[in-house]
Amino acid sequence: MNPKREVAALQEELVRLRRDFHMYPELGFEEIRTGDKVAAYLEENGLEVSRLAKTGVIGLLKGEKPGKTLLLRADMDALPIQEQNELSYKSVHEEKMHACGHDGHVAMLLVAAKILSAYKERLAGNIKFVFQPNEEDAGAYLMIEEGAMENPSVDAVAGAHLWSNLCTGTVDICAGSVMAASHYFFLTIKGKGGHAGYVDQAVDPIMISANVIQAVQSMQTRELDALSPVSIVFTRVNAGFNTTIVPEVLEMQGSIRFLFGDGSNIKENFERIISNLCSAYRAEYDLSYKVGNEILINDPEMTVMARQAAVEILGDENNVKAGLRSMGGEDFSDFSRLVPGVFYFIGSGNQEKKTNYSLHHPCFNLDEDALPIGTEMHIRVALKFFGLDGY
C-alpha cells in the first residue's frame, strides 16, 4: 500500500479529468454532463451509484466487513463568469467558468474513489463519495433532505478546497471555526413618494438608507466584540426611476457573516438600528433573511487525523499550516453539523504559473501540481479513519 505511488500512477488521468470538467462548466443544479460523467466513472470502478438532489451523485463503496461510514464530498458547480484565461481547455460556454476550483475537487475525489475501491476487501465499513451540486448557492441541504446521510448512516465527513491564497505544496487544517456563517438579508424601506421640488412633503427612503448603512458600520466597530469577526455588507440598493420623483420604496440586500455564535445578537442589533431609524424618519420597513451557510467547524479529533495525513504526504510539518480562517461561506457545514467532520485547504497558488488569482476571478486557474496532494489527502484520511494506514 503506497498512496503516493498510486496517485502518481494516475496523475495524467487526474489532470485529464480536471481539464475536461473545466472545459465544460455547468452552473448549480445544471450539472447534467458533469453528473453523468461522474456516475459513469464510479460505476466503472465498481461503486454503487445513486442520483439525487436534481444533479447530485453518490458512489457507495461497501467494505467486506461491517463498520462505520465515512462521507467524502466534492462540489461540482461552476460560476456565471466569463473566463479570461487563454488555455487549451478554456471554458467553451459563454459566461460560465470553473473559477472556484470545483473542477479540481471533482477530479480529485473521483481518482481517490478509484484507488480506495481497491481496498474493499480490507475495509470494515463504507465510504460514500458525494458529488454535490450548487455549492455556490447552497445545495448540500437538498442532498441531506433526500437521504445522503442515510442508508448507510454516516458517522463522519471530510472535504477539501483548493486554495489559491496558499502556496502549492502546503495544506492548512485547523480545529474549530474555519469558514463563516453567511446569512443574507432583504430589507425594504417604505417611505412616502413625492416631488423632488417638494421633498418636505415626502418621506425619502434613499436618505434613510444612507443613515442605515452608516449606522450599521458603526455597530460593527462599537457594539460587537472585535475578537469575534463579523462582516455586514450591503451589496444591492435599488430605488427610483426618475430625476424629479422621490421614490416610495427602496430595496436593499446584503450579507451578515460571522465566525462564532449563532448570530442572533447581531441580527437583533441590526434590526434595532433599522427599526429606530425608520421610526425617526416616519418610514416603515420589512426585513427577512435567507441562510446561505452556517459556520463550518472542524472536529478536533478529525482535525488531528487530517493533519497527520498531511504531514505524511508533504514530508515536512512546517508545510502543514493552521492559520486559515475565512469569512467566506461553505455549505459543507450542513454535513459537518450533523456528524464530526474536517475540511482541509489544499494550496494551489503559484505566482510563476499565474495560479494565484483569487477565487471567483475571471483569470482564476489551478496549479495542477496541487491535484495529487488533494487526492492523496482524501485517501489517507479515509485509511486513517478505518485504521488501514498501518498496512
Foldseek 3Di string as FASTA:
>chain_A
DDLLVLLVVCLVVLVVQLLQLQQEAAAFLGCAVVLVVLQVLLVVLPFDWDAFLNRKIKTKQAAPAADAEEEEEAERHWAQQAFPDDDPSHHPDGRTGRQFCSSLQSSLLSSLSNVCSVCRHVFHHMYMYIYFGHFVQDRVVRCVVVPVCVPPHHAEYEYEGAFLQAAFLFKEWAFWFFEKWKKKKKKKKFWAKDWQVPCVVIQAVVVLVVVLVVVLVVCLVPPDDPVKDKDWDWDDKDFDDDPTMRTRMIMIMTIIITRDDDCPVVVVVSVVSSVVSSVVRVIDMDMDIDTRAHTAGADPVLRVQLLVLLCVVSVDSVRYHHDHHYHHHGRVSVVCVVHHYTYMYRYFHDVVVPQNDGRPDSHHDGNSSRSSSSSSSVNSSVCVVRVNPVD
